[in-house]
Amino acid sequence: MPAKSQAQQKAAGAALAAKRGDMSKSELKGASRSMEKSMSEKELHKMASTSRKNKPEHNAKK
């Protein structure tokens, strides 16, 4: 599942780093904290590796 915005991609990257042990889980906030708990490493990798080109900074809520 690719990221829909740059913010989502960044949050997935932070969650992936925490899941791999590259950063402390206590440093996570907001979306990245819930992503780390609810998504597998494979899912996080897919979302974090999405290109940021032509993506909005934040996805507008409808």
PDB file of N, CA and C in Angstrom:
ATOM      1  N   MET A   1       0.842  -1.159   0.000  1.00  0.00           N
ATOM      2  CA  MET A   1       0.000   0.000   0.000  1.00  0.00           C
ATOM      3  C   MET A   1       0.900   1.238   0.000  1.00  0.00           C
ATOM      4  N   PRO A   2       0.918   1.982  -1.060  1.00  0.00           N
ATOM      5  CA  PRO A   2       1.776   3.168  -1.127  1.00  0.00           C
ATOM      6  C   PRO A   2       1.221   4.324  -0.299  1.00  0.00           C
ATOM      7  N   ALA A   3       2.104   5.186   0.133  1.00  0.00           N
ATOM      8  CA  ALA A   3       1.700   6.360   0.904  1.00  0.00           C
ATOM      9  C   ALA A   3       0.949   7.336   0.012  1.00  0.00           C
ATOM     10  N   LYS A   4      -0.035   8.024   0.594  1.00  0.00           N
ATOM     11  CA  LYS A   4      -0.836   8.977  -0.165  1.00  0.00           C
ATOM     12  C   LYS A   4      -0.342  10.408   0.002  1.00  0.00           C
ATOM     13  N   SER A   5       0.558  10.630   0.959  1.00  0.00           N
ATOM     14  CA  SER A   5       1.112  11.969   1.164  1.00  0.00           C
ATOM     15  C   SER A   5       2.546  11.850   1.688  1.00  0.00           C
ATOM     16  N   GLN A   6       3.255  12.966   1.637  1.00  0.00           N
ATOM     17  CA  GLN A   6       4.628  12.992   2.138  1.00  0.00           C
ATOM     18  C   GLN A   6       4.649  12.747   3.642  1.00  0.00           C
ATOM     19  N   ALA A   7       3.677  13.296   4.359  1.00  0.00           N
ATOM     20  CA  ALA A   7       3.632  13.132   5.808  1.00  0.00           C
ATOM     21  C   ALA A   7       3.429  11.659   6.175  1.00  0.00           C
ATOM     22  N   GLN A   8       2.579  10.976   5.429  1.00  0.00           N
ATOM     23  CA  GLN A   8       2.340   9.554   5.677  1.00  0.00           C
ATOM     24  C   GLN A   8       3.604   8.738   5.396  1.00  0.00           C
ATOM     25  N   GLN A   9       4.332   9.106   4.366  1.00  0.00           N
ATOM     26  CA  GLN A   9       5.564   8.406   4.011  1.00  0.00           C
ATOM     27  C   GLN A   9       6.620   8.603   5.102  1.00  0.00           C
ATOM     28  N   LYS A  10       6.724   9.819   5.619  1.00  0.00           N
ATOM     29  CA  LYS A  10       7.690  10.106   6.682  1.00  0.00           C
ATOM     30  C   LYS A  10       7.340   9.354   7.967  1.00  0.00           C
ATOM     31  N   ALA A  11       6.051   9.309   8.300  1.00  0.00           N
ATOM     32  CA  ALA A  11       5.612   8.592   9.500  1.00  0.00           C
ATOM     33  C   ALA A  11       5.913   7.101   9.375  1.00  0.00           C
ATOM     34  N   ALA A  12       5.695   6.553   8.202  1.00  0.00           N
ATOM     35  CA  ALA A  12       5.989   5.138   7.974  1.00  0.00           C
ATOM     36  C   ALA A  12       7.487   4.873   8.110  1.00  0.00           C
ATOM     37  N   GLY A  13       8.306   5.792   7.637  1.00  0.00           N
ATOM     38  CA  GLY A  13       9.757   5.650   7.766  1.00  0.00           C
ATOM     39  C   GLY A  13      10.203   5.644   9.218  1.00  0.00           C
ATOM     40  N   ALA A  14       9.618   6.528  10.020  1.00  0.00           N
ATOM     41  CA  ALA A  14       9.956   6.575  11.445  1.00  0.00           C
ATOM     42  C   ALA A  14       9.505   5.296  12.152  1.00  0.00           C
ATOM     43  N   ALA A  15       8.303   4.822  11.826  1.00  0.00           N
ATOM     44  CA  ALA A  15       7.797   3.593  12.431  1.00  0.00           C
ATOM     45  C   ALA A  15       8.663   2.399  12.042  1.00  0.00           C
ATOM     46  N   LEU A  16       9.099   2.368  10.801  1.00  0.00           N
ATOM     47  CA  LEU A  16       9.956   1.282  10.330  1.00  0.00           C
ATOM     48  C   LEU A  16      11.293   1.299  11.071  1.00  0.00           C
ATOM     49  N   ALA A  17      11.859   2.473  11.264  1.00  0.00           N
ATOM     50  CA  ALA A  17      13.127   2.584  11.994  1.00  0.00           C
ATOM     51  C   ALA A  17      12.978   2.075  13.424  1.00  0.00           C
ATOM     52  N   ALA A  18      11.855   2.387  14.058  1.00  0.00           N
ATOM     53  CA  ALA A  18      11.627   1.920  15.427  1.00  0.00           C
ATOM     54  C   ALA A  18      11.423   0.412  15.460  1.00  0.00           C
ATOM     55  N   LYS A  19      10.700  -0.115  14.500  1.00  0.00           N
ATOM     56  CA  LYS A  19      10.445  -1.563  14.455  1.00  0.00           C
ATOM     57  C   LYS A  19      11.744  -2.326  14.244  1.00  0.00           C
ATOM     58  N   ARG A  20      12.659  -1.773  13.476  1.00  0.00           N
ATOM     59  CA  ARG A  20      13.952  -2.421  13.222  1.00  0.00           C
ATOM     60  C   ARG A  20      14.946  -2.209  14.353  1.00  0.00           C
ATOM     61  N   GLY A  21      14.635  -1.293  15.280  1.00  0.00           N
ATOM     62  CA  GLY A  21      15.510  -1.039  16.410  1.00  0.00           C
ATOM     63  C   GLY A  21      16.526   0.061  16.163  1.00  0.00           C
ATOM     64  N   ASP A  22      16.373   0.804  15.059  1.00  0.00           N
ATOM     65  CA  ASP A  22      17.307   1.891  14.754  1.00  0.00           C
ATOM     66  C   ASP A  22      17.025   3.135  15.581  1.00  0.00           C
ATOM     67  N   MET A  23      15.820   3.236  16.127  1.00  0.00           N
ATOM     68  CA  MET A  23      15.474   4.346  17.020  1.00  0.00           C
ATOM     69  C   MET A  23      14.549   3.809  18.106  1.00  0.00           C
ATOM     70  N   SER A  24      14.438   4.536  19.182  1.00  0.00           N
ATOM     71  CA  SER A  24      13.628   4.104  20.309  1.00  0.00           C
ATOM     72  C   SER A  24      12.136   4.257  20.003  1.00  0.00           C
ATOM     73  N   LYS A  25      11.343   3.282  20.409  1.00  0.00           N
ATOM     74  CA  LYS A  25       9.895   3.353  20.196  1.00  0.00           C
ATOM     75  C   LYS A  25       9.281   4.509  20.981  1.00  0.00           C
ATOM     76  N   SER A  26       9.918   4.914  22.066  1.00  0.00           N
ATOM     77  CA  SER A  26       9.394   6.009  22.877  1.00  0.00           C
ATOM     78  C   SER A  26       9.522   7.361  22.174  1.00  0.00           C
ATOM     79  N   GLU A  27      10.336   7.433  21.133  1.00  0.00           N
ATOM     80  CA  GLU A  27      10.490   8.674  20.372  1.00  0.00           C
ATOM     81  C   GLU A  27       9.350   8.890  19.380  1.00  0.00           C
ATOM     82  N   LEU A  28       8.573   7.853  19.103  1.00  0.00           N
ATOM     83  CA  LEU A  28       7.496   7.955  18.131  1.00  0.00           C
ATOM     84  C   LEU A  28       6.319   8.743  18.696  1.00  0.00           C
ATOM     85  N   LYS A  29       5.646   9.499  17.805  1.00  0.00           N
ATOM     86  CA  LYS A  29       4.475  10.281  18.189  1.00  0.00           C
ATOM     87  C   LYS A  29       3.394  10.111  17.135  1.00  0.00           C
ATOM     88  N   GLY A  30       2.168  10.250  17.546  1.00  0.00           N
ATOM     89  CA  GLY A  30       1.036  10.285  16.628  1.00  0.00           C
ATOM     90  C   GLY A  30       0.914   9.081  15.722  1.00  0.00           C
ATOM     91  N   ALA A  31       0.814   9.353  14.422  1.00  0.00           N
ATOM     92  CA  ALA A  31       0.569   8.316  13.425  1.00  0.00           C
ATOM     93  C   ALA A  31       1.684   7.281  13.379  1.00  0.00           C
ATOM     94  N   SER A  32       2.917   7.718  13.539  1.00  0.00           N
ATOM     95  CA  SER A  32       4.024   6.763  13.452  1.00  0.00           C
ATOM     96  C   SER A  32       3.961   5.752  14.595  1.00  0.00           C
ATOM     97  N   ARG A  33       3.500   6.170  15.762  1.00  0.00           N
ATOM     98  CA  ARG A  33       3.374   5.255  16.900  1.00  0.00           C
ATOM     99  C   ARG A  33       2.314   4.192  16.620  1.00  0.00           C
ATOM    100  N   SER A  34       1.164   4.594  16.085  1.00  0.00           N
ATOM    101  CA  SER A  34       0.120   3.606  15.800  1.00  0.00           C
ATOM    102  C   SER A  34       0.502   2.723  14.614  1.00  0.00           C
ATOM    103  N   MET A  35       1.219   3.278  13.644  1.00  0.00           N
ATOM    104  CA  MET A  35       1.687   2.481  12.505  1.00  0.00           C
ATOM    105  C   MET A  35       2.639   1.391  12.975  1.00  0.00           C
ATOM    106  N   GLU A  36       3.533   1.723  13.887  1.00  0.00           N
ATOM    107  CA  GLU A  36       4.524   0.762  14.378  1.00  0.00           C
ATOM    108  C   GLU A  36       3.836  -0.421  15.061  1.00  0.00           C
ATOM    109  N   LYS A  37       2.752  -0.136  15.775  1.00  0.00           N
ATOM    110  CA  LYS A  37       2.046  -1.192  16.494  1.00  0.00           C
ATOM    111  C   LYS A  37       1.185  -2.046  15.582  1.00  0.00           C
ATOM    112  N   SER A  38       0.582  -1.437  14.568  1.00  0.00           N
ATOM    113  CA  SER A  38      -0.447  -2.135  13.793  1.00  0.00           C
ATOM    114  C   SER A  38       0.019  -2.704  12.454  1.00  0.00           C
ATOM    115  N   MET A  39       1.193  -2.319  11.972  1.00  0.00           N
ATOM    116  CA  MET A  39       1.632  -2.749  10.650  1.00  0.00           C
ATOM    117  C   MET A  39       2.878  -3.631  10.750  1.00  0.00           C
ATOM    118  N   SER A  40       3.022  -4.524   9.785  1.00  0.00           N
ATOM    119  CA  SER A  40       4.213  -5.378   9.740  1.00  0.00           C
ATOM    120  C   SER A  40       5.379  -4.596   9.146  1.00  0.00           C
ATOM    121  N   GLU A  41       6.571  -5.136   9.309  1.00  0.00           N
ATOM    122  CA  GLU A  41       7.766  -4.485   8.757  1.00  0.00           C
ATOM    123  C   GLU A  41       7.667  -4.401   7.238  1.00  0.00           C
ATOM    124  N   LYS A  42       7.127  -5.421   6.616  1.00  0.00           N
ATOM    125  CA  LYS A  42       6.975  -5.434   5.157  1.00  0.00           C
ATOM    126  C   LYS A  42       6.020  -4.330   4.693  1.00  0.00           C
ATOM    127  N   GLU A  43       4.895  -4.164   5.398  1.00  0.00           N
ATOM    128  CA  GLU A  43       3.927  -3.120   5.045  1.00  0.00           C
ATOM    129  C   GLU A  43       4.539  -1.730   5.231  1.00  0.00           C
ATOM    130  N   LEU A  44       5.258  -1.552   6.330  1.00  0.00           N
ATOM    131  CA  LEU A  44       5.902  -0.258   6.587  1.00  0.00           C
ATOM    132  C   LEU A  44       6.949   0.043   5.522  1.00  0.00           C
ATOM    133  N   HIS A  45       7.693  -0.964   5.111  1.00  0.00           N
ATOM    134  CA  HIS A  45       8.720  -0.769   4.088  1.00  0.00           C
ATOM    135  C   HIS A  45       8.081  -0.319   2.780  1.00  0.00           C
ATOM    136  N   LYS A  46       6.978  -0.944   2.397  1.00  0.00           N
ATOM    137  CA  LYS A  46       6.288  -0.552   1.165  1.00  0.00           C
ATOM    138  C   LYS A  46       5.837   0.902   1.221  1.00  0.00           C
ATOM    139  N   MET A  47       5.274   1.302   2.372  1.00  0.00           N
ATOM    140  CA  MET A  47       4.768   2.663   2.504  1.00  0.00           C
ATOM    141  C   MET A  47       5.918   3.670   2.582  1.00  0.00           C
ATOM    142  N   ALA A  48       6.975   3.331   3.293  1.00  0.00           N
ATOM    143  CA  ALA A  48       8.099   4.248   3.470  1.00  0.00           C
ATOM    144  C   ALA A  48       8.910   4.416   2.187  1.00  0.00           C
ATOM    145  N   SER A  49       8.908   3.406   1.325  1.00  0.00           N
ATOM    146  CA  SER A  49       9.723   3.484   0.111  1.00  0.00           C
ATOM    147  C   SER A  49       8.992   4.167  -1.048  1.00  0.00           C
ATOM    148  N   THR A  50       7.769   4.622  -0.827  1.00  0.00           N
ATOM    149  CA  THR A  50       7.012   5.343  -1.842  1.00  0.00           C
ATOM    150  C   THR A  50       7.730   6.646  -2.185  1.00  0.00           C
ATOM    151  N   SER A  51       7.803   6.964  -3.458  1.00  0.00           N
ATOM    152  CA  SER A  51       8.422   8.210  -3.884  1.00  0.00           C
ATOM    153  C   SER A  51       7.595   9.401  -3.407  1.00  0.00           C
ATOM    154  N   ARG A  52       8.255  10.472  -3.009  1.00  0.00           N
ATOM    155  CA  ARG A  52       7.553  11.679  -2.566  1.00  0.00           C
ATOM    156  C   ARG A  52       7.190  12.596  -3.723  1.00  0.00           C
ATOM    157  N   LYS A  53       7.702  12.303  -4.889  1.00  0.00           N
ATOM    158  CA  LYS A  53       7.461  13.159  -6.045  1.00  0.00           C
ATOM    159  C   LYS A  53       5.968  13.207  -6.368  1.00  0.00           C
ATOM    160  N   ASN A  54       5.444  14.395  -6.587  1.00  0.00           N
ATOM    161  CA  ASN A  54       4.054  14.650  -6.922  1.00  0.00           C
ATOM    162  C   ASN A  54       3.073  14.223  -5.841  1.00  0.00           C
ATOM    163  N   LYS A  55       3.507  14.165  -4.599  1.00  0.00           N
ATOM    164  CA  LYS A  55       2.627  13.850  -3.483  1.00  0.00           C
ATOM    165  C   LYS A  55       2.414  15.133  -2.669  1.00  0.00           C
ATOM    166  N   PRO A  56       1.192  15.361  -2.190  1.00  0.00           N
ATOM    167  CA  PRO A  56       0.974  16.537  -1.339  1.00  0.00           C
ATOM    168  C   PRO A  56       1.660  16.349   0.010  1.00  0.00           C
ATOM    169  N   GLU A  57       1.952  17.444   0.693  1.00  0.00           N
ATOM    170  CA  GLU A  57       2.574  17.356   2.015  1.00  0.00           C
ATOM    171  C   GLU A  57       1.634  16.620   2.976  1.00  0.00           C
ATOM    172  N   HIS A  58       0.355  16.969   2.948  1.00  0.00           N
ATOM    173  CA  HIS A  58      -0.662  16.303   3.763  1.00  0.00           C
ATOM    174  C   HIS A  58      -1.827  15.951   2.878  1.00  0.00           C
ATOM    175  N   ASN A  59      -2.439  14.818   3.140  1.00  0.00           N
ATOM    176  CA  ASN A  59      -3.591  14.389   2.370  1.00  0.00           C
ATOM    177  C   ASN A  59      -4.815  15.104   2.934  1.00  0.00           C
ATOM    178  N   ALA A  60      -5.558  15.811   2.098  1.00  0.00           N
ATOM    179  CA  ALA A  60      -6.736  16.551   2.553  1.00  0.00           C
ATOM    180  C   ALA A  60      -7.825  15.595   2.991  1.00  0.00           C
ATOM    181  N   LYS A  61      -8.413  15.886   4.150  1.00  0.00           N
ATOM    182  CA  LYS A  61      -9.513  15.042   4.649  1.00  0.00           C
ATOM    183  C   LYS A  61     -10.801  15.485   3.961  1.00  0.00           C
ATOM    184  N   LYS A  62     -11.626  14.506   3.695  1.00  0.00           N
ATOM    185  CA  LYS A  62     -12.901  14.808   3.022  1.00  0.00           C
ATOM    186  C   LYS A  62     -14.045  14.722   3.980  1.00  0.00           C
TER     187      LYS A  62
END
